[in-house]
Amino acid sequence: MAAIAIDLKATRKWWTFDAAMRQETVTFTAVAQRKLRAEGKQAAAAYERAGKDAALASIKDAEWRMYLIRVWSHVVPESGALTADVLGADVEKTRLETVAVAYLNRNAAARGALIARTSRRNVERSISEGERLQDSPERMRRRIIADAEATSAWRSKTIGSTEVSAAAGFGSLTAAIESRHPLVKIWYGPRSAHITCDQHKTVRGQRRGLRDAFSVRQDYEPDLGEDRMMYPGDGEQGARASNVINCRCWMDFLRE
């Protein structure tokens, strides 16, 4: 078997893939940051009107589900088409769009709920701190907004990079399967020296059939055992969050 990425032409195409996914990460990180800031303002206004329960209720799972629909509906077909180009395969874009919709129907609600849950925990912490310090309503409003602003930069980067990377992995795997070429997938660390993914060094080089799961051990949590993952960023097989969030690994494919 020969790694496709060893071929210089294919390697250059992967660079195009990486550049496109970096741009998508920038784009959807910015979208996530705007949503987080708006969420903080909305929660602050709700608290001012009706208290803590209203503030927490103002954070809607559906808002993040819609965000995920935007990310995955765009990135899966794009990453799949770029992967098909690397493989020299003819994969229909409509097929990639169809599997993206099917994935979202299965997973968008749950993934969106996890993001919203973190936002509620953060707002609850802000309120608890304000109550401890006996904030006035106006000071509490400013506190909730300021805390949301302070966490929006790193949270949006985490959300954007996690979702784009996962969608890109799903799109790549779908394209490889749809290509009908005799291929094996291989787990690698990030191609770029400027991007790190330290939690999965022990997984690098693992090979599996396209429809078989990788056995993924989190390097920082080795005692927790292995998760099944079809591609880097895959949370659909029950992988724990630490194996999914901020994963920047990627796959290459081997010709059988």
C-alpha atoms as a PDB file:
ATOM      1  CA  MET A   1       0.000   0.000   0.000  1.00  0.00           C
ATOM      2  CA  ALA A   2       1.151   3.566  -0.703  1.00  0.00           C
ATOM      3  CA  ALA A   3       0.169   6.767   1.128  1.00  0.00           C
ATOM      4  CA  ILE A   4      -1.527   9.120  -1.288  1.00  0.00           C
ATOM      5  CA  ALA A   5       0.008  12.152   0.434  1.00  0.00           C
ATOM      6  CA  ILE A   6       3.515  10.968  -0.503  1.00  0.00           C
ATOM      7  CA  ASP A   7       2.673  11.971  -4.059  1.00  0.00           C
ATOM      8  CA  LEU A   8       3.748  15.625  -4.444  1.00  0.00           C
ATOM      9  CA  LYS A   9       0.706  16.586  -6.509  1.00  0.00           C
ATOM     10  CA  ALA A  10      -1.621  15.114  -3.900  1.00  0.00           C
ATOM     11  CA  THR A  11       0.327  16.844  -1.132  1.00  0.00           C
ATOM     12  CA  ARG A  12      -0.167  20.197  -2.810  1.00  0.00           C
ATOM     13  CA  LYS A  13      -3.876  19.496  -3.042  1.00  0.00           C
ATOM     14  CA  TRP A  14      -3.947  18.724   0.674  1.00  0.00           C
ATOM     15  CA  TRP A  15      -2.354  22.126   1.246  1.00  0.00           C
ATOM     16  CA  THR A  16      -5.299  23.622  -0.633  1.00  0.00           C
ATOM     17  CA  PHE A  17      -7.618  21.601   1.602  1.00  0.00           C
ATOM     18  CA  ASP A  18      -5.855  22.883   4.730  1.00  0.00           C
ATOM     19  CA  ALA A  19      -5.973  26.505   3.577  1.00  0.00           C
ATOM     20  CA  ALA A  20      -9.689  26.234   2.865  1.00  0.00           C
ATOM     21  CA  MET A  21     -10.410  24.692   6.267  1.00  0.00           C
ATOM     22  CA  ARG A  22      -8.321  27.329   8.058  1.00  0.00           C
ATOM     23  CA  GLN A  23     -10.392  30.014   6.366  1.00  0.00           C
ATOM     24  CA  GLU A  24     -13.608  28.264   7.354  1.00  0.00           C
ATOM     25  CA  THR A  25     -12.355  28.095  10.940  1.00  0.00           C
ATOM     26  CA  VAL A  26     -11.702  31.847  10.927  1.00  0.00           C
ATOM     27  CA  THR A  27     -15.138  32.511   9.460  1.00  0.00           C
ATOM     28  CA  PHE A  28     -17.105  30.305  11.834  1.00  0.00           C
ATOM     29  CA  THR A  29     -15.044  31.346  14.862  1.00  0.00           C
ATOM     30  CA  ALA A  30     -16.104  34.930  14.155  1.00  0.00           C
ATOM     31  CA  VAL A  31     -19.736  33.826  13.855  1.00  0.00           C
ATOM     32  CA  ALA A  32     -19.503  31.946  17.165  1.00  0.00           C
ATOM     33  CA  GLN A  33     -17.965  34.953  18.909  1.00  0.00           C
ATOM     34  CA  ARG A  34     -20.781  37.216  17.754  1.00  0.00           C
ATOM     35  CA  LYS A  35     -23.305  34.695  19.041  1.00  0.00           C
ATOM     36  CA  LEU A  36     -21.574  34.408  22.421  1.00  0.00           C
ATOM     37  CA  ARG A  37     -21.481  38.165  22.876  1.00  0.00           C
ATOM     38  CA  ALA A  38     -25.137  38.499  21.897  1.00  0.00           C
ATOM     39  CA  GLU A  39     -25.974  35.652  24.270  1.00  0.00           C
ATOM     40  CA  GLY A  40     -24.363  37.498  27.170  1.00  0.00           C
ATOM     41  CA  LYS A  41     -26.271  40.697  26.445  1.00  0.00           C
ATOM     42  CA  GLN A  42     -29.492  38.761  26.112  1.00  0.00           C
ATOM     43  CA  ALA A  43     -28.954  36.951  29.422  1.00  0.00           C
ATOM     44  CA  ALA A  44     -28.093  40.228  31.161  1.00  0.00           C
ATOM     45  CA  ALA A  45     -31.262  41.884  29.899  1.00  0.00           C
ATOM     46  CA  ALA A  46     -33.349  38.883  30.952  1.00  0.00           C
ATOM     47  CA  TYR A  47     -31.831  38.934  34.440  1.00  0.00           C
ATOM     48  CA  GLU A  48     -32.589  42.606  34.784  1.00  0.00           C
ATOM     49  CA  ARG A  49     -36.217  41.972  33.815  1.00  0.00           C
ATOM     50  CA  ALA A  50     -36.981  38.775  35.695  1.00  0.00           C
ATOM     51  CA  GLY A  51     -33.972  37.332  37.529  1.00  0.00           C
ATOM     52  CA  LYS A  52     -31.718  34.282  37.318  1.00  0.00           C
ATOM     53  CA  ASP A  53     -34.143  31.739  35.880  1.00  0.00           C
ATOM     54  CA  ALA A  54     -35.044  34.111  33.052  1.00  0.00           C
ATOM     55  CA  ALA A  55     -31.376  34.750  32.315  1.00  0.00           C
ATOM     56  CA  LEU A  56     -30.639  31.041  32.006  1.00  0.00           C
ATOM     57  CA  ALA A  57     -33.777  30.400  29.975  1.00  0.00           C
ATOM     58  CA  SER A  58     -32.780  33.117  27.509  1.00  0.00           C
ATOM     59  CA  ILE A  59     -29.932  30.900  26.258  1.00  0.00           C
ATOM     60  CA  LYS A  60     -31.499  28.692  23.612  1.00  0.00           C
ATOM     61  CA  ASP A  61     -30.240  25.301  22.426  1.00  0.00           C
ATOM     62  CA  ALA A  62     -31.858  26.005  19.064  1.00  0.00           C
ATOM     63  CA  GLU A  63     -29.561  28.963  18.408  1.00  0.00           C
ATOM     64  CA  TRP A  64     -26.517  26.716  18.550  1.00  0.00           C
ATOM     65  CA  ARG A  65     -28.242  24.008  16.560  1.00  0.00           C
ATOM     66  CA  MET A  66     -28.734  26.561  13.785  1.00  0.00           C
ATOM     67  CA  TYR A  67     -25.064  27.525  14.041  1.00  0.00           C
ATOM     68  CA  LEU A  68     -24.033  23.895  13.610  1.00  0.00           C
ATOM     69  CA  ILE A  69     -26.315  23.543  10.619  1.00  0.00           C
ATOM     70  CA  ARG A  70     -24.515  26.479   8.995  1.00  0.00           C
ATOM     71  CA  VAL A  71     -21.074  25.002   9.707  1.00  0.00           C
ATOM     72  CA  TRP A  72     -21.709  21.405   8.709  1.00  0.00           C
ATOM     73  CA  SER A  73     -23.909  22.187   5.695  1.00  0.00           C
ATOM     74  CA  HIS A  74     -21.102  24.304   4.277  1.00  0.00           C
ATOM     75  CA  VAL A  75     -17.945  22.477   5.373  1.00  0.00           C
ATOM     76  CA  VAL A  76     -18.943  18.853   4.680  1.00  0.00           C
ATOM     77  CA  PRO A  77     -19.576  19.354   0.928  1.00  0.00           C
ATOM     78  CA  GLU A  78     -16.518  21.600   0.596  1.00  0.00           C
ATOM     79  CA  SER A  79     -14.129  19.248   2.397  1.00  0.00           C
ATOM     80  CA  GLY A  80     -15.602  16.255   0.597  1.00  0.00           C
ATOM     81  CA  ALA A  81     -15.133  17.869  -2.811  1.00  0.00           C
ATOM     82  CA  LEU A  82     -11.525  18.807  -1.988  1.00  0.00           C
ATOM     83  CA  THR A  83     -10.799  15.271  -0.773  1.00  0.00           C
ATOM     84  CA  ALA A  84     -12.349  13.809  -3.918  1.00  0.00           C
ATOM     85  CA  ASP A  85      -9.979  15.998  -5.921  1.00  0.00           C
ATOM     86  CA  VAL A  86      -6.992  14.601  -3.991  1.00  0.00           C
ATOM     87  CA  LEU A  87      -8.239  11.064  -4.614  1.00  0.00           C
ATOM     88  CA  GLY A  88      -8.883  11.707  -8.287  1.00  0.00           C
ATOM     89  CA  ALA A  89     -12.496  10.653  -7.773  1.00  0.00           C
ATOM     90  CA  ASP A  90     -15.813  11.921  -9.082  1.00  0.00           C
ATOM     91  CA  VAL A  91     -18.049  12.398  -6.034  1.00  0.00           C
ATOM     92  CA  GLU A  92     -21.374  14.148  -6.498  1.00  0.00           C
ATOM     93  CA  LYS A  93     -21.811  17.282  -4.406  1.00  0.00           C
ATOM     94  CA  THR A  94     -25.483  16.481  -3.912  1.00  0.00           C
ATOM     95  CA  ARG A  95     -24.483  13.235  -2.226  1.00  0.00           C
ATOM     96  CA  LEU A  96     -22.199  15.131   0.163  1.00  0.00           C
ATOM     97  CA  GLU A  97     -25.010  17.564   0.921  1.00  0.00           C
ATOM     98  CA  THR A  98     -27.378  14.664   1.596  1.00  0.00           C
ATOM     99  CA  VAL A  99     -25.069  12.976   4.116  1.00  0.00           C
ATOM    100  CA  ALA A 100     -24.456  16.333   5.823  1.00  0.00           C
ATOM    101  CA  VAL A 101     -28.206  16.767   6.320  1.00  0.00           C
ATOM    102  CA  ALA A 102     -28.515  13.210   7.625  1.00  0.00           C
ATOM    103  CA  TYR A 103     -25.667  13.821  10.093  1.00  0.00           C
ATOM    104  CA  LEU A 104     -27.273  17.030  11.319  1.00  0.00           C
ATOM    105  CA  ASN A 105     -30.611  15.324  11.783  1.00  0.00           C
ATOM    106  CA  ARG A 106     -28.898  12.803  14.036  1.00  0.00           C
ATOM    107  CA  ASN A 107     -26.536  15.073  15.958  1.00  0.00           C
ATOM    108  CA  ALA A 108     -27.098  18.833  15.661  1.00  0.00           C
ATOM    109  CA  ALA A 109     -29.576  19.074  18.530  1.00  0.00           C
ATOM    110  CA  ALA A 110     -27.329  17.259  21.013  1.00  0.00           C
ATOM    111  CA  ARG A 111     -24.163  19.095  19.975  1.00  0.00           C
ATOM    112  CA  GLY A 112     -25.979  22.423  20.138  1.00  0.00           C
ATOM    113  CA  ALA A 113     -27.335  21.609  23.591  1.00  0.00           C
ATOM    114  CA  LEU A 114     -23.794  21.002  24.888  1.00  0.00           C
ATOM    115  CA  ILE A 115     -22.630  24.442  23.763  1.00  0.00           C
ATOM    116  CA  ALA A 116     -25.710  26.122  25.247  1.00  0.00           C
ATOM    117  CA  ARG A 117     -25.232  24.207  28.512  1.00  0.00           C
ATOM    118  CA  THR A 118     -21.729  25.624  28.873  1.00  0.00           C
ATOM    119  CA  SER A 119     -23.083  29.130  28.281  1.00  0.00           C
ATOM    120  CA  ARG A 120     -25.694  28.634  31.007  1.00  0.00           C
ATOM    121  CA  ARG A 121     -23.053  27.412  33.450  1.00  0.00           C
ATOM    122  CA  ASN A 122     -20.953  30.494  32.742  1.00  0.00           C
ATOM    123  CA  VAL A 123     -23.893  32.846  33.248  1.00  0.00           C
ATOM    124  CA  GLU A 124     -24.861  31.021  36.425  1.00  0.00           C
ATOM    125  CA  ARG A 125     -21.324  31.503  37.761  1.00  0.00           C
ATOM    126  CA  SER A 126     -21.478  35.219  36.933  1.00  0.00           C
ATOM    127  CA  ILE A 127     -24.783  35.564  38.759  1.00  0.00           C
ATOM    128  CA  SER A 128     -23.559  33.605  41.788  1.00  0.00           C
ATOM    129  CA  GLU A 129     -20.501  35.838  42.040  1.00  0.00           C
ATOM    130  CA  GLY A 130     -22.620  38.957  41.689  1.00  0.00           C
ATOM    131  CA  GLU A 131     -25.014  37.774  44.371  1.00  0.00           C
ATOM    132  CA  ARG A 132     -22.111  36.996  46.678  1.00  0.00           C
ATOM    133  CA  LEU A 133     -20.854  40.556  46.222  1.00  0.00           C
ATOM    134  CA  GLN A 134     -24.394  41.932  46.508  1.00  0.00           C
ATOM    135  CA  ASP A 135     -24.335  43.560  43.087  1.00  0.00           C
ATOM    136  CA  SER A 136     -26.980  46.074  42.218  1.00  0.00           C
ATOM    137  CA  PRO A 137     -29.166  45.105  39.209  1.00  0.00           C
ATOM    138  CA  GLU A 138     -27.150  47.418  36.951  1.00  0.00           C
ATOM    139  CA  ARG A 139     -23.839  46.070  38.196  1.00  0.00           C
ATOM    140  CA  MET A 140     -25.091  42.518  37.722  1.00  0.00           C
ATOM    141  CA  ARG A 141     -26.113  43.344  34.156  1.00  0.00           C
ATOM    142  CA  ARG A 142     -22.641  44.705  33.417  1.00  0.00           C
ATOM    143  CA  ARG A 143     -21.002  41.705  35.100  1.00  0.00           C
ATOM    144  CA  ILE A 144     -22.875  39.162  32.954  1.00  0.00           C
ATOM    145  CA  ILE A 145     -22.003  41.043  29.777  1.00  0.00           C
ATOM    146  CA  ALA A 146     -18.354  41.519  30.757  1.00  0.00           C
ATOM    147  CA  ASP A 147     -17.889  37.857  31.693  1.00  0.00           C
ATOM    148  CA  ALA A 148     -19.433  36.717  28.409  1.00  0.00           C
ATOM    149  CA  GLU A 149     -17.152  39.103  26.526  1.00  0.00           C
ATOM    150  CA  ALA A 150     -14.096  37.864  28.421  1.00  0.00           C
ATOM    151  CA  THR A 151     -14.723  34.203  27.554  1.00  0.00           C
ATOM    152  CA  SER A 152     -16.011  34.766  24.019  1.00  0.00           C
ATOM    153  CA  ALA A 153     -12.568  34.857  22.367  1.00  0.00           C
ATOM    154  CA  TRP A 154     -11.294  31.469  23.568  1.00  0.00           C
ATOM    155  CA  ARG A 155     -14.712  29.811  23.537  1.00  0.00           C
ATOM    156  CA  SER A 156     -15.399  30.880  19.962  1.00  0.00           C
ATOM    157  CA  LYS A 157     -12.011  29.532  18.857  1.00  0.00           C
ATOM    158  CA  THR A 158     -12.765  26.224  20.550  1.00  0.00           C
ATOM    159  CA  ILE A 159     -16.237  26.000  19.031  1.00  0.00           C
ATOM    160  CA  GLY A 160     -15.162  27.091  15.559  1.00  0.00           C
ATOM    161  CA  SER A 161     -12.081  24.895  15.299  1.00  0.00           C
ATOM    162  CA  THR A 162     -13.802  21.853  16.811  1.00  0.00           C
ATOM    163  CA  GLU A 163     -16.825  21.970  14.532  1.00  0.00           C
ATOM    164  CA  VAL A 164     -14.963  22.838  11.330  1.00  0.00           C
ATOM    165  CA  SER A 165     -12.348  20.141  11.949  1.00  0.00           C
ATOM    166  CA  ALA A 166     -14.990  17.525  12.725  1.00  0.00           C
ATOM    167  CA  ALA A 167     -17.087  18.468   9.693  1.00  0.00           C
ATOM    168  CA  ALA A 168     -13.971  18.361   7.521  1.00  0.00           C
ATOM    169  CA  GLY A 169     -13.126  14.877   8.775  1.00  0.00           C
ATOM    170  CA  PHE A 170     -16.656  13.689   8.132  1.00  0.00           C
ATOM    171  CA  GLY A 171     -16.623  15.185   4.639  1.00  0.00           C
ATOM    172  CA  SER A 172     -13.272  13.598   3.824  1.00  0.00           C
ATOM    173  CA  LEU A 173     -14.333  10.168   5.002  1.00  0.00           C
ATOM    174  CA  THR A 174     -17.610  10.409   3.089  1.00  0.00           C
ATOM    175  CA  ALA A 175     -15.772  11.340  -0.102  1.00  0.00           C
ATOM    176  CA  ALA A 176     -13.351   8.431   0.338  1.00  0.00           C
ATOM    177  CA  ILE A 177     -16.227   5.990   0.794  1.00  0.00           C
ATOM    178  CA  GLU A 178     -18.205   7.450  -2.107  1.00  0.00           C
ATOM    179  CA  SER A 179     -15.136   7.312  -4.375  1.00  0.00           C
ATOM    180  CA  ARG A 180     -15.383   3.494  -4.316  1.00  0.00           C
ATOM    181  CA  HIS A 181     -11.589   3.271  -4.520  1.00  0.00           C
ATOM    182  CA  PRO A 182      -9.931   0.473  -2.514  1.00  0.00           C
ATOM    183  CA  LEU A 183      -8.597   2.617   0.332  1.00  0.00           C
ATOM    184  CA  VAL A 184      -7.466   2.417   3.930  1.00  0.00           C
ATOM    185  CA  LYS A 185      -7.620   5.498   6.174  1.00  0.00           C
ATOM    186  CA  ILE A 186      -4.733   6.547   8.408  1.00  0.00           C
ATOM    187  CA  TRP A 187      -4.797   8.914  11.398  1.00  0.00           C
ATOM    188  CA  TYR A 188      -2.192  11.688  11.340  1.00  0.00           C
ATOM    189  CA  GLY A 189      -1.361  14.751  13.406  1.00  0.00           C
ATOM    190  CA  PRO A 190      -1.778  18.236  11.892  1.00  0.00           C
ATOM    191  CA  ARG A 191       0.082  18.843   8.633  1.00  0.00           C
ATOM    192  CA  SER A 192       0.963  22.427   9.559  1.00  0.00           C
ATOM    193  CA  ALA A 193       3.758  23.118  12.053  1.00  0.00           C
ATOM    194  CA  HIS A 194       1.685  26.073  13.268  1.00  0.00           C
ATOM    195  CA  ILE A 195      -1.176  23.837  14.432  1.00  0.00           C
ATOM    196  CA  THR A 196      -0.921  21.444  17.345  1.00  0.00           C
ATOM    197  CA  CYS A 197      -2.979  18.490  18.561  1.00  0.00           C
ATOM    198  CA  ASP A 198      -1.084  17.020  21.473  1.00  0.00           C
ATOM    199  CA  GLN A 199      -3.809  14.816  22.912  1.00  0.00           C
ATOM    200  CA  HIS A 200      -3.642  12.120  20.216  1.00  0.00           C
ATOM    201  CA  LYS A 201       0.043  11.472  19.572  1.00  0.00           C
ATOM    202  CA  THR A 202      -0.288   7.786  20.431  1.00  0.00           C
ATOM    203  CA  VAL A 203      -2.994   7.364  17.761  1.00  0.00           C
ATOM    204  CA  ARG A 204      -0.914   8.716  14.890  1.00  0.00           C
ATOM    205  CA  GLY A 205      -0.189   6.198  12.188  1.00  0.00           C
ATOM    206  CA  GLN A 206      -3.130   3.953  13.097  1.00  0.00           C
ATOM    207  CA  ARG A 207      -4.713   2.372  10.011  1.00  0.00           C
ATOM    208  CA  ARG A 208      -8.260   1.198   9.552  1.00  0.00           C
ATOM    209  CA  GLY A 209     -10.656   0.227   6.798  1.00  0.00           C
ATOM    210  CA  LEU A 210     -12.857   3.104   5.676  1.00  0.00           C
ATOM    211  CA  ARG A 211     -15.867   1.729   7.542  1.00  0.00           C
ATOM    212  CA  ASP A 212     -13.924   0.627  10.632  1.00  0.00           C
ATOM    213  CA  ALA A 213     -13.408   2.785  13.728  1.00  0.00           C
ATOM    214  CA  PHE A 214     -10.074   4.022  15.037  1.00  0.00           C
ATOM    215  CA  SER A 215      -9.229   3.084  18.631  1.00  0.00           C
ATOM    216  CA  VAL A 216      -8.474   6.449  20.193  1.00  0.00           C
ATOM    217  CA  ARG A 217      -6.783   6.955  23.541  1.00  0.00           C
ATOM    218  CA  GLN A 218      -6.556  10.481  24.962  1.00  0.00           C
ATOM    219  CA  ASP A 219      -2.899  11.018  25.841  1.00  0.00           C
ATOM    220  CA  TYR A 220      -3.784  13.166  28.868  1.00  0.00           C
ATOM    221  CA  GLU A 221      -6.313  10.620  30.148  1.00  0.00           C
ATOM    222  CA  PRO A 222      -4.717   7.232  29.368  1.00  0.00           C
ATOM    223  CA  ASP A 223      -6.450   5.433  32.231  1.00  0.00           C
ATOM    224  CA  LEU A 224      -9.900   6.116  30.741  1.00  0.00           C
ATOM    225  CA  GLY A 225      -9.355   3.638  27.916  1.00  0.00           C
ATOM    226  CA  GLU A 226     -10.063   3.966  24.227  1.00  0.00           C
ATOM    227  CA  ASP A 227     -12.928   5.499  22.282  1.00  0.00           C
ATOM    228  CA  ARG A 228     -14.198   4.421  18.884  1.00  0.00           C
ATOM    229  CA  MET A 229     -13.959   7.221  16.312  1.00  0.00           C
ATOM    230  CA  MET A 230     -14.506   6.959  12.571  1.00  0.00           C
ATOM    231  CA  TYR A 231     -12.459  10.114  11.898  1.00  0.00           C
ATOM    232  CA  PRO A 232     -10.737  12.853  13.944  1.00  0.00           C
ATOM    233  CA  GLY A 233     -13.425  14.885  15.671  1.00  0.00           C
ATOM    234  CA  ASP A 234     -16.059  12.145  15.489  1.00  0.00           C
ATOM    235  CA  GLY A 235     -18.409  12.296  18.451  1.00  0.00           C
ATOM    236  CA  GLU A 236     -21.160  10.146  16.999  1.00  0.00           C
ATOM    237  CA  GLN A 237     -19.725   6.842  18.259  1.00  0.00           C
ATOM    238  CA  GLY A 238     -19.879   7.954  21.903  1.00  0.00           C
ATOM    239  CA  ALA A 239     -16.354   9.382  22.241  1.00  0.00           C
ATOM    240  CA  ARG A 240     -15.868  11.520  25.324  1.00  0.00           C
ATOM    241  CA  ALA A 241     -15.666  15.283  24.865  1.00  0.00           C
ATOM    242  CA  SER A 242     -11.911  15.450  25.521  1.00  0.00           C
ATOM    243  CA  ASN A 243     -11.290  13.278  22.446  1.00  0.00           C
ATOM    244  CA  VAL A 244     -13.406  15.546  20.265  1.00  0.00           C
ATOM    245  CA  ILE A 245     -12.984  19.128  21.450  1.00  0.00           C
ATOM    246  CA  ASN A 246     -10.027  20.976  19.902  1.00  0.00           C
ATOM    247  CA  CYS A 247      -8.839  17.939  17.945  1.00  0.00           C
ATOM    248  CA  ARG A 248      -6.816  19.134  14.931  1.00  0.00           C
ATOM    249  CA  CYS A 249      -5.757  15.734  13.611  1.00  0.00           C
ATOM    250  CA  TRP A 250      -6.479  14.683  10.033  1.00  0.00           C
ATOM    251  CA  MET A 251      -6.667  11.599   7.856  1.00  0.00           C
ATOM    252  CA  ASP A 252      -4.784  10.497   4.797  1.00  0.00           C
ATOM    253  CA  PHE A 253      -5.785   7.505   2.713  1.00  0.00           C
ATOM    254  CA  LEU A 254      -3.767   4.520   1.569  1.00  0.00           C
ATOM    255  CA  ARG A 255      -4.347   2.637  -1.672  1.00  0.00           C
ATOM    256  CA  GLU A 256      -4.810  -1.071  -1.075  1.00  0.00           C
END
